[in-house]
Amino acid sequence: MSILRMIYLGLAILGTIVPMMAYFPWMQENGVDLSSLIAAWKANGATTGLYYDLLISAIALNVWIVAETYVRKDYWVLICLPAIYLIGVSCALPLFLFLRTRPVT
């Protein structure tokens, strides 16, 4: 495995762990309530801006993954679609790059 692929894999792992370190304590305190989570993301202008920034990035990444899957016929990268919305862009983007840089047979 190349150094670049190892970096992508490390970033995907880090992009999973770091956000979950914030989400899990919040979920323990507030429960698993999506509407409360979205309300917390829109608590002030700074978090609202970040919310929309990540939402637009997630949609763009979603379109890119689907387009690349159509062109390359590499269906394993579709695993990144649920990762976008269940974990976040910080995991899904490096995971997609990790999968995309492997040789397709």
N, C-alpha and C. Protein backbone atom coordinates (compact mmCIF):
# COMPACT_ATOMS: atom_id res chain seq x y z
N MET A 1 0.86 -1.18 0.00
CA MET A 1 0.00 0.00 0.00
C MET A 1 0.90 1.24 0.00
N SER A 2 0.53 2.20 -0.83
CA SER A 2 1.34 3.41 -0.95
C SER A 2 1.17 4.31 0.28
N ILE A 3 2.10 5.23 0.44
CA ILE A 3 2.03 6.18 1.55
C ILE A 3 0.78 7.05 1.43
N LEU A 4 0.44 7.44 0.19
CA LEU A 4 -0.75 8.25 -0.02
C LEU A 4 -2.01 7.52 0.43
N ARG A 5 -2.12 6.25 0.10
CA ARG A 5 -3.29 5.47 0.52
C ARG A 5 -3.32 5.31 2.04
N MET A 6 -2.17 5.15 2.67
CA MET A 6 -2.11 5.06 4.13
C MET A 6 -2.56 6.37 4.77
N ILE A 7 -2.18 7.49 4.16
CA ILE A 7 -2.62 8.80 4.67
C ILE A 7 -4.14 8.90 4.56
N TYR A 8 -4.70 8.52 3.40
CA TYR A 8 -6.16 8.56 3.23
C TYR A 8 -6.86 7.68 4.26
N LEU A 9 -6.33 6.49 4.48
CA LEU A 9 -6.94 5.58 5.46
C LEU A 9 -6.85 6.15 6.87
N GLY A 10 -5.70 6.71 7.21
CA GLY A 10 -5.55 7.32 8.53
C GLY A 10 -6.50 8.49 8.74
N LEU A 11 -6.67 9.31 7.70
CA LEU A 11 -7.61 10.43 7.79
C LEU A 11 -9.05 9.96 7.90
N ALA A 12 -9.39 8.87 7.21
CA ALA A 12 -10.74 8.31 7.32
C ALA A 12 -11.01 7.82 8.74
N ILE A 13 -10.03 7.17 9.33
CA ILE A 13 -10.18 6.69 10.71
C ILE A 13 -10.27 7.87 11.67
N LEU A 14 -9.39 8.84 11.50
CA LEU A 14 -9.43 10.04 12.33
C LEU A 14 -10.74 10.81 12.13
N GLY A 15 -11.21 10.87 10.89
CA GLY A 15 -12.47 11.54 10.58
C GLY A 15 -13.68 10.82 11.12
N THR A 16 -13.51 9.59 11.56
CA THR A 16 -14.58 8.86 12.24
C THR A 16 -14.50 9.09 13.74
N ILE A 17 -13.32 8.97 14.29
CA ILE A 17 -13.15 9.02 15.75
C ILE A 17 -13.39 10.41 16.32
N VAL A 18 -12.79 11.43 15.73
CA VAL A 18 -12.87 12.78 16.29
C VAL A 18 -14.31 13.31 16.36
N PRO A 19 -15.11 13.22 15.28
CA PRO A 19 -16.50 13.69 15.41
C PRO A 19 -17.31 12.87 16.42
N MET A 20 -17.06 11.57 16.48
CA MET A 20 -17.81 10.73 17.42
C MET A 20 -17.48 11.07 18.87
N MET A 21 -16.27 11.61 19.12
CA MET A 21 -15.92 12.02 20.47
C MET A 21 -16.78 13.20 20.92
N ALA A 22 -17.33 13.94 19.98
CA ALA A 22 -18.25 15.03 20.32
C ALA A 22 -19.70 14.56 20.29
N TYR A 23 -20.04 13.70 19.33
CA TYR A 23 -21.43 13.26 19.19
C TYR A 23 -21.89 12.35 20.33
N PHE A 24 -21.08 11.39 20.72
CA PHE A 24 -21.52 10.42 21.73
C PHE A 24 -21.87 11.07 23.07
N PRO A 25 -21.03 11.96 23.61
CA PRO A 25 -21.44 12.61 24.86
C PRO A 25 -22.73 13.45 24.68
N TRP A 26 -22.87 14.10 23.55
CA TRP A 26 -24.08 14.88 23.29
C TRP A 26 -25.30 13.96 23.23
N MET A 27 -25.16 12.81 22.57
CA MET A 27 -26.28 11.87 22.47
C MET A 27 -26.61 11.25 23.83
N GLN A 28 -25.61 11.02 24.66
CA GLN A 28 -25.89 10.49 25.99
C GLN A 28 -26.67 11.49 26.83
N GLU A 29 -26.37 12.76 26.62
CA GLU A 29 -27.03 13.82 27.38
C GLU A 29 -28.42 14.15 26.82
N ASN A 30 -28.56 14.15 25.50
CA ASN A 30 -29.79 14.60 24.86
C ASN A 30 -30.60 13.50 24.19
N GLY A 31 -30.06 12.30 24.12
CA GLY A 31 -30.75 11.23 23.44
C GLY A 31 -30.51 11.30 21.93
N VAL A 32 -30.98 10.27 21.25
CA VAL A 32 -30.82 10.21 19.79
C VAL A 32 -32.05 10.87 19.17
N ASP A 33 -31.95 12.18 19.01
CA ASP A 33 -33.06 12.96 18.47
C ASP A 33 -32.52 13.86 17.37
N LEU A 34 -32.83 13.50 16.13
CA LEU A 34 -32.28 14.22 14.98
C LEU A 34 -32.72 15.68 14.95
N SER A 35 -33.97 15.95 15.32
CA SER A 35 -34.44 17.33 15.30
C SER A 35 -33.69 18.20 16.33
N SER A 36 -33.36 17.64 17.48
CA SER A 36 -32.58 18.38 18.48
C SER A 36 -31.15 18.60 18.00
N LEU A 37 -30.61 17.63 17.31
CA LEU A 37 -29.25 17.77 16.79
C LEU A 37 -29.20 18.87 15.74
N ILE A 38 -30.17 18.89 14.84
CA ILE A 38 -30.20 19.94 13.82
C ILE A 38 -30.44 21.30 14.47
N ALA A 39 -31.28 21.35 15.48
CA ALA A 39 -31.50 22.62 16.20
C ALA A 39 -30.21 23.10 16.85
N ALA A 40 -29.41 22.18 17.39
CA ALA A 40 -28.13 22.55 18.00
C ALA A 40 -27.16 23.07 16.93
N TRP A 41 -27.22 22.49 15.74
CA TRP A 41 -26.36 22.95 14.65
C TRP A 41 -26.73 24.35 14.21
N LYS A 42 -27.98 24.74 14.46
CA LYS A 42 -28.46 26.07 14.04
C LYS A 42 -28.61 27.02 15.22
N ALA A 43 -27.86 26.78 16.28
CA ALA A 43 -27.98 27.57 17.51
C ALA A 43 -27.53 29.01 17.34
N ASN A 44 -26.56 29.25 16.48
CA ASN A 44 -26.10 30.63 16.23
C ASN A 44 -25.58 30.72 14.80
N GLY A 45 -25.18 31.91 14.41
CA GLY A 45 -24.75 32.12 13.03
C GLY A 45 -23.54 31.30 12.63
N ALA A 46 -22.60 31.13 13.54
CA ALA A 46 -21.39 30.38 13.22
C ALA A 46 -21.71 28.90 12.98
N THR A 47 -22.50 28.31 13.85
CA THR A 47 -22.82 26.90 13.66
C THR A 47 -23.76 26.70 12.48
N THR A 48 -24.63 27.67 12.21
CA THR A 48 -25.50 27.57 11.05
C THR A 48 -24.68 27.61 9.76
N GLY A 49 -23.68 28.50 9.71
CA GLY A 49 -22.81 28.56 8.55
C GLY A 49 -22.05 27.27 8.35
N LEU A 50 -21.53 26.69 9.43
CA LEU A 50 -20.82 25.43 9.34
C LEU A 50 -21.75 24.30 8.91
N TYR A 51 -22.98 24.31 9.42
CA TYR A 51 -23.98 23.31 9.05
C TYR A 51 -24.22 23.33 7.55
N TYR A 52 -24.45 24.52 6.98
CA TYR A 52 -24.71 24.60 5.55
C TYR A 52 -23.46 24.30 4.73
N ASP A 53 -22.30 24.68 5.23
CA ASP A 53 -21.05 24.36 4.56
C ASP A 53 -20.88 22.85 4.43
N LEU A 54 -21.10 22.14 5.53
CA LEU A 54 -20.97 20.68 5.50
C LEU A 54 -22.07 20.02 4.70
N LEU A 55 -23.27 20.57 4.75
CA LEU A 55 -24.38 20.01 3.97
C LEU A 55 -24.09 20.11 2.48
N ILE A 56 -23.63 21.26 2.03
CA ILE A 56 -23.31 21.45 0.60
C ILE A 56 -22.13 20.57 0.21
N SER A 57 -21.13 20.45 1.07
CA SER A 57 -19.99 19.57 0.81
C SER A 57 -20.45 18.11 0.72
N ALA A 58 -21.35 17.72 1.59
CA ALA A 58 -21.86 16.34 1.57
C ALA A 58 -22.61 16.06 0.28
N ILE A 59 -23.42 17.00 -0.18
CA ILE A 59 -24.16 16.81 -1.42
C ILE A 59 -23.20 16.73 -2.60
N ALA A 60 -22.19 17.60 -2.63
CA ALA A 60 -21.20 17.58 -3.72
C ALA A 60 -20.43 16.25 -3.72
N LEU A 61 -20.04 15.78 -2.54
CA LEU A 61 -19.34 14.50 -2.45
C LEU A 61 -20.25 13.36 -2.90
N ASN A 62 -21.51 13.43 -2.55
CA ASN A 62 -22.48 12.43 -2.96
C ASN A 62 -22.56 12.35 -4.49
N VAL A 63 -22.67 13.50 -5.14
CA VAL A 63 -22.75 13.56 -6.60
C VAL A 63 -21.46 13.01 -7.21
N TRP A 64 -20.31 13.38 -6.67
CA TRP A 64 -19.03 12.92 -7.19
C TRP A 64 -18.91 11.40 -7.08
N ILE A 65 -19.29 10.84 -5.94
CA ILE A 65 -19.19 9.39 -5.75
C ILE A 65 -20.07 8.67 -6.75
N VAL A 66 -21.30 9.12 -6.92
CA VAL A 66 -22.21 8.47 -7.87
C VAL A 66 -21.68 8.59 -9.29
N ALA A 67 -21.17 9.77 -9.66
CA ALA A 67 -20.63 9.96 -11.01
C ALA A 67 -19.41 9.07 -11.24
N GLU A 68 -18.51 9.00 -10.27
CA GLU A 68 -17.33 8.15 -10.41
C GLU A 68 -17.70 6.68 -10.48
N THR A 69 -18.72 6.28 -9.73
CA THR A 69 -19.16 4.89 -9.76
C THR A 69 -19.70 4.56 -11.15
N TYR A 70 -20.43 5.47 -11.73
CA TYR A 70 -20.99 5.27 -13.07
C TYR A 70 -19.88 5.12 -14.11
N VAL A 71 -18.85 5.95 -14.00
CA VAL A 71 -17.77 5.95 -14.98
C VAL A 71 -16.84 4.74 -14.78
N ARG A 72 -16.43 4.51 -13.53
CA ARG A 72 -15.41 3.48 -13.26
C ARG A 72 -15.99 2.10 -13.00
N LYS A 73 -17.28 2.00 -12.77
CA LYS A 73 -17.94 0.73 -12.45
C LYS A 73 -17.31 0.07 -11.22
N ASP A 74 -16.89 0.90 -10.28
CA ASP A 74 -16.28 0.43 -9.04
C ASP A 74 -17.32 0.62 -7.93
N TYR A 75 -18.13 -0.40 -7.73
CA TYR A 75 -19.29 -0.26 -6.86
C TYR A 75 -18.95 -0.28 -5.37
N TRP A 76 -17.73 -0.68 -5.01
CA TRP A 76 -17.34 -0.67 -3.59
C TRP A 76 -17.32 0.73 -3.01
N VAL A 77 -17.09 1.74 -3.83
CA VAL A 77 -17.03 3.10 -3.29
C VAL A 77 -18.39 3.60 -2.84
N LEU A 78 -19.46 2.90 -3.20
CA LEU A 78 -20.79 3.31 -2.75
C LEU A 78 -20.95 3.18 -1.23
N ILE A 79 -20.05 2.46 -0.59
CA ILE A 79 -20.07 2.36 0.87
C ILE A 79 -19.86 3.74 1.50
N CYS A 80 -19.30 4.65 0.74
CA CYS A 80 -19.05 6.01 1.23
C CYS A 80 -20.34 6.83 1.34
N LEU A 81 -21.38 6.46 0.62
CA LEU A 81 -22.62 7.24 0.67
C LEU A 81 -23.25 7.23 2.07
N PRO A 82 -23.46 6.06 2.69
CA PRO A 82 -23.98 6.13 4.06
C PRO A 82 -22.98 6.75 5.04
N ALA A 83 -21.69 6.60 4.76
CA ALA A 83 -20.68 7.20 5.64
C ALA A 83 -20.80 8.72 5.65
N ILE A 84 -21.20 9.32 4.52
CA ILE A 84 -21.36 10.77 4.46
C ILE A 84 -22.37 11.23 5.49
N TYR A 85 -23.52 10.57 5.54
CA TYR A 85 -24.63 11.05 6.36
C TYR A 85 -24.66 10.44 7.76
N LEU A 86 -24.03 9.29 7.96
CA LEU A 86 -24.02 8.68 9.30
C LEU A 86 -22.80 9.09 10.12
N ILE A 87 -21.69 9.36 9.45
CA ILE A 87 -20.47 9.75 10.16
C ILE A 87 -20.11 11.18 9.82
N GLY A 88 -19.94 11.47 8.55
CA GLY A 88 -19.62 12.83 8.13
C GLY A 88 -18.68 12.86 6.96
N VAL A 89 -18.54 14.05 6.40
CA VAL A 89 -17.64 14.27 5.27
C VAL A 89 -16.20 13.99 5.67
N SER A 90 -15.86 14.25 6.93
CA SER A 90 -14.48 14.04 7.40
C SER A 90 -14.06 12.58 7.34
N CYS A 91 -15.00 11.68 7.35
CA CYS A 91 -14.70 10.25 7.17
C CYS A 91 -14.89 9.84 5.71
N ALA A 92 -16.00 10.26 5.12
CA ALA A 92 -16.38 9.77 3.79
C ALA A 92 -15.42 10.21 2.69
N LEU A 93 -14.95 11.45 2.73
CA LEU A 93 -14.05 11.92 1.67
C LEU A 93 -12.72 11.16 1.67
N PRO A 94 -12.00 11.06 2.80
CA PRO A 94 -10.76 10.29 2.74
C PRO A 94 -11.00 8.80 2.47
N LEU A 95 -12.14 8.26 2.93
CA LEU A 95 -12.46 6.86 2.64
C LEU A 95 -12.68 6.68 1.14
N PHE A 96 -13.38 7.61 0.52
CA PHE A 96 -13.58 7.55 -0.93
C PHE A 96 -12.25 7.64 -1.67
N LEU A 97 -11.39 8.56 -1.25
CA LEU A 97 -10.09 8.69 -1.90
C LEU A 97 -9.24 7.44 -1.70
N PHE A 98 -9.33 6.84 -0.52
CA PHE A 98 -8.62 5.59 -0.25
C PHE A 98 -9.10 4.50 -1.20
N LEU A 99 -10.41 4.36 -1.33
CA LEU A 99 -10.95 3.32 -2.21
C LEU A 99 -10.70 3.63 -3.69
N ARG A 100 -10.75 4.89 -4.05
CA ARG A 100 -10.58 5.30 -5.43
C ARG A 100 -9.15 5.09 -5.92
N THR A 101 -8.18 5.17 -5.04
CA THR A 101 -6.77 5.05 -5.45
C THR A 101 -6.28 3.60 -5.48
N ARG A 102 -7.15 2.66 -5.18
CA ARG A 102 -6.73 1.27 -5.27
C ARG A 102 -6.91 0.79 -6.72
N PRO A 103 -6.15 -0.22 -7.11
CA PRO A 103 -6.32 -0.75 -8.46
C PRO A 103 -7.67 -1.45 -8.59
N VAL A 104 -8.38 -1.15 -9.65
CA VAL A 104 -9.69 -1.78 -9.91
C VAL A 104 -9.46 -2.96 -10.84
N THR A 105 -9.98 -4.11 -10.46
CA THR A 105 -9.79 -5.32 -11.29
C THR A 105 -10.96 -5.56 -12.19
